[in-house]
Amino acid sequence: MSRPPVYELRNVKQHYQGREVLSLDHFEIEANSIVGLAGPNGSGKSTLLRILALLEAPSMGKIRFKGAPVQNLKRNQRRKVALLPQEALLLKRSVFQNVAYGLKLRKDTENLTERVQKALSLVGLELSDYGRRSWKQLSGGEAQRVALAARLILKPKVLLLDEPTASLDSASAALVLEAALRAQEKSGATLVVASHDLIWLNSLTNQVLNLDRGKIMGQGPLTILPGPWHESEIPGYLCLPLSEDQVILAAAPGQYALPQTVAGIDPAKISLPRFHRPDPPPLNLIKARVTQLSIGRDPDDLLIQLQVGHLFFNLPLDQKNLTPGTRPGSKVWISFKAEDVIFFR
């Protein structure tokens, strides 16, 4: 008999002051999985994480945790979930006291120093160097890592991270990524990470859910193309204006409502032509700037992030296509068919 999913949500909605900020028909998160929540600011990621953390109840809908309705969970079951918010606040105490605080609340203080040392080492900090430091002596990256250690020491079965690398430098972000993966591998915890950085999410997670305006628009490494979309001069097509007088063309769906329509494109459908070929519409040929190169979970996997105006495209990159022209700061052409753009509503 298969185990129930860690979370099952059905017809979940959340309203703030009469405004709907989250609307999910049905989705599940399996045990021991690493799930990413992608989307722009205001897409509902943080709201969903607070609901998953059992910190707030939805306005309507049903949520089950390991098969049980969340309203029936006892305190010891709720303690199996830990949330690291985007701006994690530390107590006005030493690093040691911050990391140990949760265990002390639970009156679980056996081998306390050893456990604090292990939790700090998971995030790349040494107890001998940091244990006595005050919270105000820490950099932003160090404070975020101490806050993560304070969650890891509790050995949660579910670890929820809200934009954990948003305010960190690249070195600290790499340490947070490594610590989260190590904790997940050692404890078999379920990891749910919210971020607007698809490159980082794709290097970390098994599955990515794309949110926009409180709804799941799709799964996988989709690039979300929010509106406003407009009627194109080409009959049967819509267009999305970009910077530098560029536009994205898309085949119009059967039913749509302008300008709120939201679309997406699968990175597998996007190519990087070496030269600018003046192909006629409806083929999209757009100039983009390389903003980031990174290695995926498999060292042989390369990921490239490209920016066009307010949009970011995150694509897998074959190593044979790695050239000086794909370095960060370079300009490249991206190409995809108008018919490959998917509309959600």
C-alpha atoms as a PDB file:
ATOM      1  CA  MET A   1       0.000   0.000   0.000  1.00  0.00           C
ATOM      2  CA  SER A   2       1.491   3.342  -1.051  1.00  0.00           C
ATOM      3  CA  ARG A   3       2.061   6.111   1.454  1.00  0.00           C
ATOM      4  CA  PRO A   4      -0.178   9.173   1.281  1.00  0.00           C
ATOM      5  CA  PRO A   5       1.417  12.358  -0.009  1.00  0.00           C
ATOM      6  CA  VAL A   6       2.876  14.756   2.543  1.00  0.00           C
ATOM      7  CA  TYR A   7       0.392  17.399   1.401  1.00  0.00           C
ATOM      8  CA  GLU A   8      -2.847  17.207  -0.495  1.00  0.00           C
ATOM      9  CA  LEU A   9      -4.727  20.431  -1.246  1.00  0.00           C
ATOM     10  CA  ARG A  10      -8.203  20.584  -2.780  1.00  0.00           C
ATOM     11  CA  ASN A  11     -10.134  23.710  -3.764  1.00  0.00           C
ATOM     12  CA  VAL A  12      -7.951  25.882  -1.558  1.00  0.00           C
ATOM     13  CA  LYS A  13      -8.513  29.628  -1.707  1.00  0.00           C
ATOM     14  CA  GLN A  14      -7.094  32.443   0.358  1.00  0.00           C
ATOM     15  CA  HIS A  15      -8.505  35.966   0.596  1.00  0.00           C
ATOM     16  CA  TYR A  16      -6.994  39.048   2.181  1.00  0.00           C
ATOM     17  CA  GLN A  17      -9.414  41.919   2.780  1.00  0.00           C
ATOM     18  CA  GLY A  18     -11.807  40.489   0.233  1.00  0.00           C
ATOM     19  CA  ARG A  19      -9.133  40.025  -2.459  1.00  0.00           C
ATOM     20  CA  GLU A  20      -8.327  36.529  -3.697  1.00  0.00           C
ATOM     21  CA  VAL A  21      -4.575  35.906  -3.532  1.00  0.00           C
ATOM     22  CA  LEU A  22      -4.516  32.114  -3.924  1.00  0.00           C
ATOM     23  CA  SER A  23      -6.748  29.680  -5.805  1.00  0.00           C
ATOM     24  CA  LEU A  24      -5.634  26.043  -6.148  1.00  0.00           C
ATOM     25  CA  ASP A  25      -7.915  23.329  -7.502  1.00  0.00           C
ATOM     26  CA  HIS A  26      -5.809  20.328  -6.521  1.00  0.00           C
ATOM     27  CA  PHE A  27      -2.183  19.443  -6.082  1.00  0.00           C
ATOM     28  CA  GLU A  28      -0.049  17.086  -4.044  1.00  0.00           C
ATOM     29  CA  ILE A  29       3.493  17.038  -2.710  1.00  0.00           C
ATOM     30  CA  GLU A  30       5.055  13.611  -2.349  1.00  0.00           C
ATOM     31  CA  ALA A  31       7.205  12.535   0.583  1.00  0.00           C
ATOM     32  CA  ASN A  32      10.981  12.989   0.274  1.00  0.00           C
ATOM     33  CA  SER A  33      10.595  15.209  -2.798  1.00  0.00           C
ATOM     34  CA  ILE A  34      12.209  18.571  -3.545  1.00  0.00           C
ATOM     35  CA  VAL A  35       9.605  20.928  -4.984  1.00  0.00           C
ATOM     36  CA  GLY A  36      10.163  24.432  -6.310  1.00  0.00           C
ATOM     37  CA  LEU A  37       7.603  27.228  -6.373  1.00  0.00           C
ATOM     38  CA  ALA A  38       8.417  29.728  -9.113  1.00  0.00           C
ATOM     39  CA  GLY A  39       6.763  32.986  -9.968  1.00  0.00           C
ATOM     40  CA  PRO A  40       7.090  36.769  -9.756  1.00  0.00           C
ATOM     41  CA  ASN A  41       6.481  38.812  -6.628  1.00  0.00           C
ATOM     42  CA  GLY A  42       2.795  38.681  -5.708  1.00  0.00           C
ATOM     43  CA  SER A  43       2.210  35.338  -7.413  1.00  0.00           C
ATOM     44  CA  GLY A  44       1.151  33.621  -4.157  1.00  0.00           C
ATOM     45  CA  LYS A  45       4.338  31.748  -3.266  1.00  0.00           C
ATOM     46  CA  SER A  46       4.701  33.133   0.260  1.00  0.00           C
ATOM     47  CA  THR A  47       0.997  32.726   0.995  1.00  0.00           C
ATOM     48  CA  LEU A  48       1.131  29.084  -0.069  1.00  0.00           C
ATOM     49  CA  LEU A  49       4.197  28.463   2.098  1.00  0.00           C
ATOM     50  CA  ARG A  50       2.496  29.933   5.176  1.00  0.00           C
ATOM     51  CA  ILE A  51      -0.486  27.649   4.584  1.00  0.00           C
ATOM     52  CA  LEU A  52       1.813  24.635   4.145  1.00  0.00           C
ATOM     53  CA  ALA A  53       3.636  25.655   7.335  1.00  0.00           C
ATOM     54  CA  LEU A  54       0.262  25.481   9.138  1.00  0.00           C
ATOM     55  CA  LEU A  55       0.705  29.093  10.226  1.00  0.00           C
ATOM     56  CA  GLU A  56      -2.541  30.255   8.641  1.00  0.00           C
ATOM     57  CA  ALA A  57      -5.697  28.516   7.540  1.00  0.00           C
ATOM     58  CA  PRO A  58      -7.094  29.067   4.037  1.00  0.00           C
ATOM     59  CA  SER A  59     -10.357  30.944   3.534  1.00  0.00           C
ATOM     60  CA  MET A  60     -11.795  27.760   2.074  1.00  0.00           C
ATOM     61  CA  GLY A  61     -10.746  24.307   0.895  1.00  0.00           C
ATOM     62  CA  LYS A  62      -9.307  21.131   2.358  1.00  0.00           C
ATOM     63  CA  ILE A  63      -5.701  20.347   3.277  1.00  0.00           C
ATOM     64  CA  ARG A  64      -4.334  16.997   4.380  1.00  0.00           C
ATOM     65  CA  PHE A  65      -0.927  16.401   5.934  1.00  0.00           C
ATOM     66  CA  LYS A  66       0.242  12.802   5.571  1.00  0.00           C
ATOM     67  CA  GLY A  67      -3.367  11.776   4.987  1.00  0.00           C
ATOM     68  CA  ALA A  68      -4.853  13.566   7.997  1.00  0.00           C
ATOM     69  CA  PRO A  69      -6.930  16.782   7.891  1.00  0.00           C
ATOM     70  CA  VAL A  70      -4.683  19.573   9.190  1.00  0.00           C
ATOM     71  CA  GLN A  71      -7.306  20.751  11.689  1.00  0.00           C
ATOM     72  CA  ASN A  72      -6.947  17.385  13.464  1.00  0.00           C
ATOM     73  CA  LEU A  73      -3.166  17.527  13.821  1.00  0.00           C
ATOM     74  CA  LYS A  74      -1.656  17.501  17.288  1.00  0.00           C
ATOM     75  CA  ARG A  75       1.193  19.736  18.388  1.00  0.00           C
ATOM     76  CA  ASN A  76       3.893  17.093  17.898  1.00  0.00           C
ATOM     77  CA  GLN A  77       2.718  16.565  14.297  1.00  0.00           C
ATOM     78  CA  ARG A  78       2.711  20.295  13.540  1.00  0.00           C
ATOM     79  CA  ARG A  79       6.269  20.490  14.851  1.00  0.00           C
ATOM     80  CA  LYS A  80       7.409  18.347  11.955  1.00  0.00           C
ATOM     81  CA  VAL A  81       7.122  21.373   9.641  1.00  0.00           C
ATOM     82  CA  ALA A  82       9.621  24.259   9.656  1.00  0.00           C
ATOM     83  CA  LEU A  83       9.494  27.482   7.646  1.00  0.00           C
ATOM     84  CA  LEU A  84      12.442  29.763   6.889  1.00  0.00           C
ATOM     85  CA  PRO A  85      10.897  33.098   5.815  1.00  0.00           C
ATOM     86  CA  GLN A  86      12.568  35.438   3.345  1.00  0.00           C
ATOM     87  CA  GLU A  87      13.710  37.789   6.098  1.00  0.00           C
ATOM     88  CA  ALA A  88      14.362  35.447   8.988  1.00  0.00           C
ATOM     89  CA  LEU A  89      14.647  37.355  12.248  1.00  0.00           C
ATOM     90  CA  LEU A  90      17.094  36.260  14.909  1.00  0.00           C
ATOM     91  CA  LEU A  91      16.683  36.616  18.647  1.00  0.00           C
ATOM     92  CA  LYS A  92      18.804  39.347  20.225  1.00  0.00           C
ATOM     93  CA  ARG A  93      21.110  36.703  21.598  1.00  0.00           C
ATOM     94  CA  SER A  94      24.250  34.815  20.654  1.00  0.00           C
ATOM     95  CA  VAL A  95      24.437  32.482  17.666  1.00  0.00           C
ATOM     96  CA  PHE A  96      24.536  29.479  20.019  1.00  0.00           C
ATOM     97  CA  GLN A  97      21.407  30.614  21.844  1.00  0.00           C
ATOM     98  CA  ASN A  98      19.581  31.254  18.571  1.00  0.00           C
ATOM     99  CA  VAL A  99      20.298  27.785  17.203  1.00  0.00           C
ATOM    100  CA  ALA A 100      19.538  26.060  20.508  1.00  0.00           C
ATOM    101  CA  TYR A 101      16.345  28.010  21.245  1.00  0.00           C
ATOM    102  CA  GLY A 102      13.894  25.619  19.581  1.00  0.00           C
ATOM    103  CA  LEU A 103      15.286  22.583  21.397  1.00  0.00           C
ATOM    104  CA  LYS A 104      15.154  24.411  24.720  1.00  0.00           C
ATOM    105  CA  LEU A 105      11.487  25.285  24.138  1.00  0.00           C
ATOM    106  CA  ARG A 106      10.829  21.597  23.594  1.00  0.00           C
ATOM    107  CA  LYS A 107      12.889  20.705  26.664  1.00  0.00           C
ATOM    108  CA  ASP A 108      15.101  18.528  24.468  1.00  0.00           C
ATOM    109  CA  THR A 109      18.570  19.570  25.573  1.00  0.00           C
ATOM    110  CA  GLU A 110      20.542  16.322  25.645  1.00  0.00           C
ATOM    111  CA  ASN A 111      23.974  16.735  23.983  1.00  0.00           C
ATOM    112  CA  LEU A 112      22.942  20.318  23.166  1.00  0.00           C
ATOM    113  CA  THR A 113      26.383  21.693  22.337  1.00  0.00           C
ATOM    114  CA  GLU A 114      27.171  18.799  20.009  1.00  0.00           C
ATOM    115  CA  ARG A 115      23.847  19.216  18.195  1.00  0.00           C
ATOM    116  CA  VAL A 116      24.318  22.972  17.788  1.00  0.00           C
ATOM    117  CA  GLN A 117      27.791  22.314  16.399  1.00  0.00           C
ATOM    118  CA  LYS A 118      26.421  19.850  13.834  1.00  0.00           C
ATOM    119  CA  ALA A 119      23.620  22.214  12.774  1.00  0.00           C
ATOM    120  CA  LEU A 120      26.046  25.091  12.269  1.00  0.00           C
ATOM    121  CA  SER A 121      28.465  22.909  10.325  1.00  0.00           C
ATOM    122  CA  LEU A 122      25.638  22.006   7.941  1.00  0.00           C
ATOM    123  CA  VAL A 123      25.461  25.661   6.897  1.00  0.00           C
ATOM    124  CA  GLY A 124      29.223  26.156   6.749  1.00  0.00           C
ATOM    125  CA  LEU A 125      29.707  27.853  10.138  1.00  0.00           C
ATOM    126  CA  GLU A 126      31.959  26.669  12.954  1.00  0.00           C
ATOM    127  CA  LEU A 127      30.755  26.770  16.554  1.00  0.00           C
ATOM    128  CA  SER A 128      34.210  27.823  17.751  1.00  0.00           C
ATOM    129  CA  ASP A 129      34.129  30.880  15.467  1.00  0.00           C
ATOM    130  CA  TYR A 130      30.472  31.867  15.649  1.00  0.00           C
ATOM    131  CA  GLY A 131      28.940  30.383  18.812  1.00  0.00           C
ATOM    132  CA  ARG A 132      29.598  33.387  21.048  1.00  0.00           C
ATOM    133  CA  ARG A 133      28.904  36.044  18.414  1.00  0.00           C
ATOM    134  CA  SER A 134      25.974  38.349  18.911  1.00  0.00           C
ATOM    135  CA  TRP A 135      23.184  38.430  16.351  1.00  0.00           C
ATOM    136  CA  LYS A 136      24.161  42.006  15.420  1.00  0.00           C
ATOM    137  CA  GLN A 137      27.723  40.967  14.529  1.00  0.00           C
ATOM    138  CA  LEU A 138      26.512  38.833  11.602  1.00  0.00           C
ATOM    139  CA  SER A 139      26.345  39.765   7.945  1.00  0.00           C
ATOM    140  CA  GLY A 140      23.057  39.232   6.103  1.00  0.00           C
ATOM    141  CA  GLY A 141      24.287  35.954   4.655  1.00  0.00           C
ATOM    142  CA  GLU A 142      25.562  34.701   7.992  1.00  0.00           C
ATOM    143  CA  ALA A 143      22.292  35.600   9.720  1.00  0.00           C
ATOM    144  CA  GLN A 144      20.292  33.678   7.097  1.00  0.00           C
ATOM    145  CA  ARG A 145      22.516  30.635   7.560  1.00  0.00           C
ATOM    146  CA  VAL A 146      22.165  30.797  11.355  1.00  0.00           C
ATOM    147  CA  ALA A 147      18.378  30.984  10.930  1.00  0.00           C
ATOM    148  CA  LEU A 148      18.526  27.919   8.674  1.00  0.00           C
ATOM    149  CA  ALA A 149      20.659  26.058  11.245  1.00  0.00           C
ATOM    150  CA  ALA A 150      18.016  26.856  13.882  1.00  0.00           C
ATOM    151  CA  ARG A 151      15.482  24.997  11.697  1.00  0.00           C
ATOM    152  CA  LEU A 152      17.767  22.113  10.751  1.00  0.00           C
ATOM    153  CA  ILE A 153      18.583  21.298  14.393  1.00  0.00           C
ATOM    154  CA  LEU A 154      14.889  20.439  14.891  1.00  0.00           C
ATOM    155  CA  LYS A 155      15.149  17.775  12.148  1.00  0.00           C
ATOM    156  CA  PRO A 156      11.856  18.678  10.466  1.00  0.00           C
ATOM    157  CA  LYS A 157      10.140  16.246   8.128  1.00  0.00           C
ATOM    158  CA  VAL A 158       9.147  19.195   5.922  1.00  0.00           C
ATOM    159  CA  LEU A 159      11.412  22.200   5.358  1.00  0.00           C
ATOM    160  CA  LEU A 160       9.880  25.244   3.648  1.00  0.00           C
ATOM    161  CA  LEU A 161      12.220  27.947   2.313  1.00  0.00           C
ATOM    162  CA  ASP A 162      10.871  31.319   1.141  1.00  0.00           C
ATOM    163  CA  GLU A 163      13.306  33.086  -1.220  1.00  0.00           C
ATOM    164  CA  PRO A 164      16.256  31.776   0.833  1.00  0.00           C
ATOM    165  CA  THR A 165      18.926  33.325  -1.414  1.00  0.00           C
ATOM    166  CA  ALA A 166      17.214  36.628  -2.284  1.00  0.00           C
ATOM    167  CA  SER A 167      19.536  38.808  -0.179  1.00  0.00           C
ATOM    168  CA  LEU A 168      22.659  36.635  -0.266  1.00  0.00           C
ATOM    169  CA  ASP A 169      25.894  36.829  -2.220  1.00  0.00           C
ATOM    170  CA  SER A 170      26.711  33.930  -4.524  1.00  0.00           C
ATOM    171  CA  ALA A 171      28.982  32.192  -1.982  1.00  0.00           C
ATOM    172  CA  SER A 172      26.351  32.302   0.791  1.00  0.00           C
ATOM    173  CA  ALA A 173      23.627  31.212  -1.652  1.00  0.00           C
ATOM    174  CA  ALA A 174      25.716  28.182  -2.623  1.00  0.00           C
ATOM    175  CA  LEU A 175      26.145  27.255   1.056  1.00  0.00           C
ATOM    176  CA  VAL A 176      22.400  27.525   1.692  1.00  0.00           C
ATOM    177  CA  LEU A 177      21.746  25.320  -1.339  1.00  0.00           C
ATOM    178  CA  GLU A 178      24.300  22.752  -0.183  1.00  0.00           C
ATOM    179  CA  ALA A 179      22.942  22.769   3.387  1.00  0.00           C
ATOM    180  CA  ALA A 180      19.341  22.287   2.266  1.00  0.00           C
ATOM    181  CA  LEU A 181      20.287  19.399  -0.025  1.00  0.00           C
ATOM    182  CA  ARG A 182      22.456  17.740   2.630  1.00  0.00           C
ATOM    183  CA  ALA A 183      19.671  17.977   5.196  1.00  0.00           C
ATOM    184  CA  GLN A 184      17.166  16.544   2.729  1.00  0.00           C
ATOM    185  CA  GLU A 185      19.456  13.653   1.822  1.00  0.00           C
ATOM    186  CA  LYS A 186      20.326  12.771   5.438  1.00  0.00           C
ATOM    187  CA  SER A 187      16.871  13.026   6.965  1.00  0.00           C
ATOM    188  CA  GLY A 188      14.665  12.202   3.975  1.00  0.00           C
ATOM    189  CA  ALA A 189      12.786  15.447   4.572  1.00  0.00           C
ATOM    190  CA  THR A 190      10.478  16.975   2.024  1.00  0.00           C
ATOM    191  CA  LEU A 191      11.852  20.279   0.765  1.00  0.00           C
ATOM    192  CA  VAL A 192       9.675  23.055  -0.699  1.00  0.00           C
ATOM    193  CA  VAL A 193      11.503  26.128  -1.975  1.00  0.00           C
ATOM    194  CA  ALA A 194       9.954  29.351  -3.277  1.00  0.00           C
ATOM    195  CA  SER A 195      12.055  31.561  -5.518  1.00  0.00           C
ATOM    196  CA  HIS A 196      11.792  33.823  -8.537  1.00  0.00           C
ATOM    197  CA  ASP A 197      15.206  32.486  -9.648  1.00  0.00           C
ATOM    198  CA  LEU A 198      14.430  29.593 -11.999  1.00  0.00           C
ATOM    199  CA  ILE A 199      18.109  28.857 -12.607  1.00  0.00           C
ATOM    200  CA  TRP A 200      18.611  28.269  -8.875  1.00  0.00           C
ATOM    201  CA  LEU A 201      15.368  26.272  -8.545  1.00  0.00           C
ATOM    202  CA  ASN A 202      16.198  24.011 -11.475  1.00  0.00           C
ATOM    203  CA  SER A 203      19.595  23.252  -9.944  1.00  0.00           C
ATOM    204  CA  LEU A 204      17.939  22.243  -6.674  1.00  0.00           C
ATOM    205  CA  THR A 205      14.513  20.691  -7.235  1.00  0.00           C
ATOM    206  CA  ASN A 206      12.919  17.606  -8.780  1.00  0.00           C
ATOM    207  CA  GLN A 207       9.762  19.479  -9.732  1.00  0.00           C
ATOM    208  CA  VAL A 208       8.901  23.130 -10.326  1.00  0.00           C
ATOM    209  CA  LEU A 209       5.372  24.559 -10.000  1.00  0.00           C
ATOM    210  CA  ASN A 210       4.859  27.865 -11.803  1.00  0.00           C
ATOM    211  CA  LEU A 211       2.551  30.298 -10.006  1.00  0.00           C
ATOM    212  CA  ASP A 212       1.054  33.515 -11.280  1.00  0.00           C
ATOM    213  CA  ARG A 213      -1.671  35.593  -9.624  1.00  0.00           C
ATOM    214  CA  GLY A 214      -2.364  32.866  -7.099  1.00  0.00           C
ATOM    215  CA  LYS A 215      -2.821  29.999  -9.562  1.00  0.00           C
ATOM    216  CA  ILE A 216      -0.578  27.136 -10.668  1.00  0.00           C
ATOM    217  CA  MET A 217       0.009  27.854 -14.344  1.00  0.00           C
ATOM    218  CA  GLY A 218       1.931  24.670 -15.057  1.00  0.00           C
ATOM    219  CA  GLN A 219       4.672  22.305 -13.951  1.00  0.00           C
ATOM    220  CA  GLY A 220       8.218  22.064 -15.143  1.00  0.00           C
ATOM    221  CA  PRO A 221      10.737  24.680 -16.196  1.00  0.00           C
ATOM    222  CA  LEU A 222       8.252  26.937 -17.991  1.00  0.00           C
ATOM    223  CA  THR A 223       9.029  30.579 -18.602  1.00  0.00           C
ATOM    224  CA  ILE A 224       5.908  32.512 -17.630  1.00  0.00           C
ATOM    225  CA  LEU A 225       4.883  35.265 -20.076  1.00  0.00           C
ATOM    226  CA  PRO A 226       2.405  37.478 -18.215  1.00  0.00           C
ATOM    227  CA  GLY A 227       0.388  40.132 -20.000  1.00  0.00           C
ATOM    228  CA  PRO A 228      -0.590  42.599 -21.085  1.00  0.00           C
ATOM    229  CA  TRP A 229      -1.068  40.800 -24.390  1.00  0.00           C
ATOM    230  CA  HIS A 230      -2.554  42.642 -27.365  1.00  0.00           C
ATOM    231  CA  GLU A 231      -4.140  41.838 -30.673  1.00  0.00           C
ATOM    232  CA  SER A 232      -1.470  41.520 -33.352  1.00  0.00           C
ATOM    233  CA  GLU A 233      -1.549  43.022 -36.816  1.00  0.00           C
ATOM    234  CA  ILE A 234      -1.229  39.427 -38.024  1.00  0.00           C
ATOM    235  CA  PRO A 235      -4.709  37.824 -37.944  1.00  0.00           C
ATOM    236  CA  GLY A 236      -4.984  34.932 -35.489  1.00  0.00           C
ATOM    237  CA  TYR A 237      -2.032  36.025 -33.347  1.00  0.00           C
ATOM    238  CA  LEU A 238      -1.471  37.950 -30.123  1.00  0.00           C
ATOM    239  CA  CYS A 239       1.618  39.984 -29.289  1.00  0.00           C
ATOM    240  CA  LEU A 240       3.514  40.836 -26.098  1.00  0.00           C
ATOM    241  CA  PRO A 241       5.550  44.057 -26.366  1.00  0.00           C
ATOM    242  CA  LEU A 242       9.121  43.903 -25.033  1.00  0.00           C
ATOM    243  CA  SER A 243      11.963  46.385 -24.781  1.00  0.00           C
ATOM    244  CA  GLU A 244      13.838  47.768 -27.804  1.00  0.00           C
ATOM    245  CA  ASP A 245      10.697  47.542 -29.972  1.00  0.00           C
ATOM    246  CA  GLN A 246      10.723  43.752 -29.804  1.00  0.00           C
ATOM    247  CA  VAL A 247       7.559  41.662 -29.468  1.00  0.00           C
ATOM    248  CA  ILE A 248       6.644  38.048 -28.808  1.00  0.00           C
ATOM    249  CA  LEU A 249       4.074  36.596 -31.176  1.00  0.00           C
ATOM    250  CA  ALA A 250       1.776  33.769 -30.117  1.00  0.00           C
ATOM    251  CA  ALA A 251      -1.015  31.909 -31.849  1.00  0.00           C
ATOM    252  CA  ALA A 252      -4.259  33.111 -30.264  1.00  0.00           C
ATOM    253  CA  PRO A 253      -6.070  30.443 -28.200  1.00  0.00           C
ATOM    254  CA  GLY A 254      -9.712  29.628 -28.787  1.00  0.00           C
ATOM    255  CA  GLN A 255     -10.871  31.817 -25.902  1.00  0.00           C
ATOM    256  CA  TYR A 256      -8.969  34.537 -24.122  1.00  0.00           C
ATOM    257  CA  ALA A 257      -9.473  37.757 -22.206  1.00  0.00           C
ATOM    258  CA  LEU A 258      -7.087  40.609 -22.959  1.00  0.00           C
ATOM    259  CA  PRO A 259      -4.972  41.934 -21.372  1.00  0.00           C
ATOM    260  CA  GLN A 260      -5.029  39.536 -18.376  1.00  0.00           C
ATOM    261  CA  THR A 261      -4.159  36.449 -20.407  1.00  0.00           C
ATOM    262  CA  VAL A 262      -1.081  34.598 -19.081  1.00  0.00           C
ATOM    263  CA  ALA A 263       1.125  32.389 -21.249  1.00  0.00           C
ATOM    264  CA  GLY A 264       4.250  30.269 -20.971  1.00  0.00           C
ATOM    265  CA  ILE A 265       6.928  28.691 -23.146  1.00  0.00           C
ATOM    266  CA  ASP A 266       8.741  25.394 -22.575  1.00  0.00           C
ATOM    267  CA  PRO A 267      12.533  25.995 -22.676  1.00  0.00           C
ATOM    268  CA  ALA A 268      12.875  22.831 -24.786  1.00  0.00           C
ATOM    269  CA  LYS A 269      11.054  24.718 -27.547  1.00  0.00           C
ATOM    270  CA  ILE A 270      13.579  27.589 -27.549  1.00  0.00           C
ATOM    271  CA  SER A 271      16.757  27.505 -29.620  1.00  0.00           C
ATOM    272  CA  LEU A 272      19.860  29.684 -29.662  1.00  0.00           C
ATOM    273  CA  PRO A 273      20.647  30.318 -33.347  1.00  0.00           C
ATOM    274  CA  ARG A 274      24.229  31.328 -33.965  1.00  0.00           C
ATOM    275  CA  PHE A 275      23.256  33.984 -36.484  1.00  0.00           C
ATOM    276  CA  HIS A 276      20.401  36.440 -36.954  1.00  0.00           C
ATOM    277  CA  ARG A 277      18.306  34.994 -39.760  1.00  0.00           C
ATOM    278  CA  PRO A 278      15.531  37.317 -40.956  1.00  0.00           C
ATOM    279  CA  ASP A 279      12.861  34.632 -40.782  1.00  0.00           C
ATOM    280  CA  PRO A 280       9.359  35.985 -41.328  1.00  0.00           C
ATOM    281  CA  PRO A 281       6.704  35.931 -38.574  1.00  0.00           C
ATOM    282  CA  PRO A 282       5.211  34.019 -36.851  1.00  0.00           C
ATOM    283  CA  LEU A 283       8.665  32.702 -35.890  1.00  0.00           C
ATOM    284  CA  ASN A 284       9.944  34.650 -32.877  1.00  0.00           C
ATOM    285  CA  LEU A 285      13.536  35.841 -33.142  1.00  0.00           C
ATOM    286  CA  ILE A 286      14.476  37.989 -30.157  1.00  0.00           C
ATOM    287  CA  LYS A 287      17.701  39.536 -28.934  1.00  0.00           C
ATOM    288  CA  ALA A 288      18.468  38.733 -25.286  1.00  0.00           C
ATOM    289  CA  ARG A 289      21.251  39.390 -22.791  1.00  0.00           C
ATOM    290  CA  VAL A 290      22.986  36.538 -20.941  1.00  0.00           C
ATOM    291  CA  THR A 291      22.659  37.223 -17.203  1.00  0.00           C
ATOM    292  CA  GLN A 292      23.817  33.969 -15.628  1.00  0.00           C
ATOM    293  CA  LEU A 293      25.433  30.591 -16.293  1.00  0.00           C
ATOM    294  CA  SER A 294      25.227  27.806 -13.732  1.00  0.00           C
ATOM    295  CA  ILE A 295      25.637  24.064 -13.253  1.00  0.00           C
ATOM    296  CA  GLY A 296      22.552  21.919 -12.646  1.00  0.00           C
ATOM    297  CA  ARG A 297      22.216  19.099 -10.127  1.00  0.00           C
ATOM    298  CA  ASP A 298      24.139  16.952 -12.597  1.00  0.00           C
ATOM    299  CA  PRO A 299      27.606  18.497 -13.170  1.00  0.00           C
ATOM    300  CA  ASP A 300      27.193  17.845 -16.900  1.00  0.00           C
ATOM    301  CA  ASP A 301      24.042  19.991 -17.042  1.00  0.00           C
ATOM    302  CA  LEU A 302      24.491  23.670 -17.840  1.00  0.00           C
ATOM    303  CA  LEU A 303      21.763  26.274 -17.376  1.00  0.00           C
ATOM    304  CA  ILE A 304      21.725  29.713 -18.986  1.00  0.00           C
ATOM    305  CA  GLN A 305      19.566  32.652 -17.948  1.00  0.00           C
ATOM    306  CA  LEU A 306      18.644  35.281 -20.531  1.00  0.00           C
ATOM    307  CA  GLN A 307      16.913  38.614 -20.032  1.00  0.00           C
ATOM    308  CA  VAL A 308      14.647  40.404 -22.482  1.00  0.00           C
ATOM    309  CA  GLY A 309      13.172  43.516 -20.896  1.00  0.00           C
ATOM    310  CA  HIS A 310      11.247  42.392 -17.805  1.00  0.00           C
ATOM    311  CA  LEU A 311      11.291  38.706 -18.806  1.00  0.00           C
ATOM    312  CA  PHE A 312      13.844  36.039 -17.901  1.00  0.00           C
ATOM    313  CA  PHE A 313      14.289  32.863 -19.969  1.00  0.00           C
ATOM    314  CA  ASN A 314      16.021  29.888 -18.333  1.00  0.00           C
ATOM    315  CA  LEU A 315      17.300  27.265 -20.753  1.00  0.00           C
ATOM    316  CA  PRO A 316      19.404  24.115 -20.666  1.00  0.00           C
ATOM    317  CA  LEU A 317      22.668  24.633 -22.552  1.00  0.00           C
ATOM    318  CA  ASP A 318      24.617  21.890 -24.279  1.00  0.00           C
ATOM    319  CA  GLN A 319      28.309  22.142 -23.405  1.00  0.00           C
ATOM    320  CA  LYS A 320      29.214  22.062 -27.092  1.00  0.00           C
ATOM    321  CA  ASN A 321      27.301  25.339 -27.473  1.00  0.00           C
ATOM    322  CA  LEU A 322      29.270  27.018 -24.679  1.00  0.00           C
ATOM    323  CA  THR A 323      31.219  29.781 -26.418  1.00  0.00           C
ATOM    324  CA  PRO A 324      32.599  33.232 -25.538  1.00  0.00           C
ATOM    325  CA  GLY A 325      29.325  34.519 -26.974  1.00  0.00           C
ATOM    326  CA  THR A 326      27.333  32.856 -24.178  1.00  0.00           C
ATOM    327  CA  ARG A 327      29.203  34.500 -21.316  1.00  0.00           C
ATOM    328  CA  PRO A 328      27.213  36.721 -18.898  1.00  0.00           C
ATOM    329  CA  GLY A 329      26.782  40.162 -20.424  1.00  0.00           C
ATOM    330  CA  SER A 330      26.819  38.864 -24.008  1.00  0.00           C
ATOM    331  CA  LYS A 331      23.944  39.405 -26.439  1.00  0.00           C
ATOM    332  CA  VAL A 332      22.432  36.340 -28.127  1.00  0.00           C
ATOM    333  CA  TRP A 333      19.425  35.523 -30.296  1.00  0.00           C
ATOM    334  CA  ILE A 334      16.663  33.208 -29.089  1.00  0.00           C
ATOM    335  CA  SER A 335      14.114  31.652 -31.393  1.00  0.00           C
ATOM    336  CA  PHE A 336      10.812  29.810 -30.947  1.00  0.00           C
ATOM    337  CA  LYS A 337       7.589  29.262 -32.847  1.00  0.00           C
ATOM    338  CA  ALA A 338       4.515  31.340 -32.063  1.00  0.00           C
ATOM    339  CA  GLU A 339       2.522  28.113 -31.910  1.00  0.00           C
ATOM    340  CA  ASP A 340       4.692  26.827 -29.057  1.00  0.00           C
ATOM    341  CA  VAL A 341       3.489  29.539 -26.657  1.00  0.00           C
ATOM    342  CA  ILE A 342       0.911  28.029 -24.263  1.00  0.00           C
ATOM    343  CA  PHE A 343      -1.942  30.092 -22.845  1.00  0.00           C
ATOM    344  CA  PHE A 344      -3.377  29.388 -19.407  1.00  0.00           C
ATOM    345  CA  ARG A 345      -6.267  31.827 -19.363  1.00  0.00           C
END
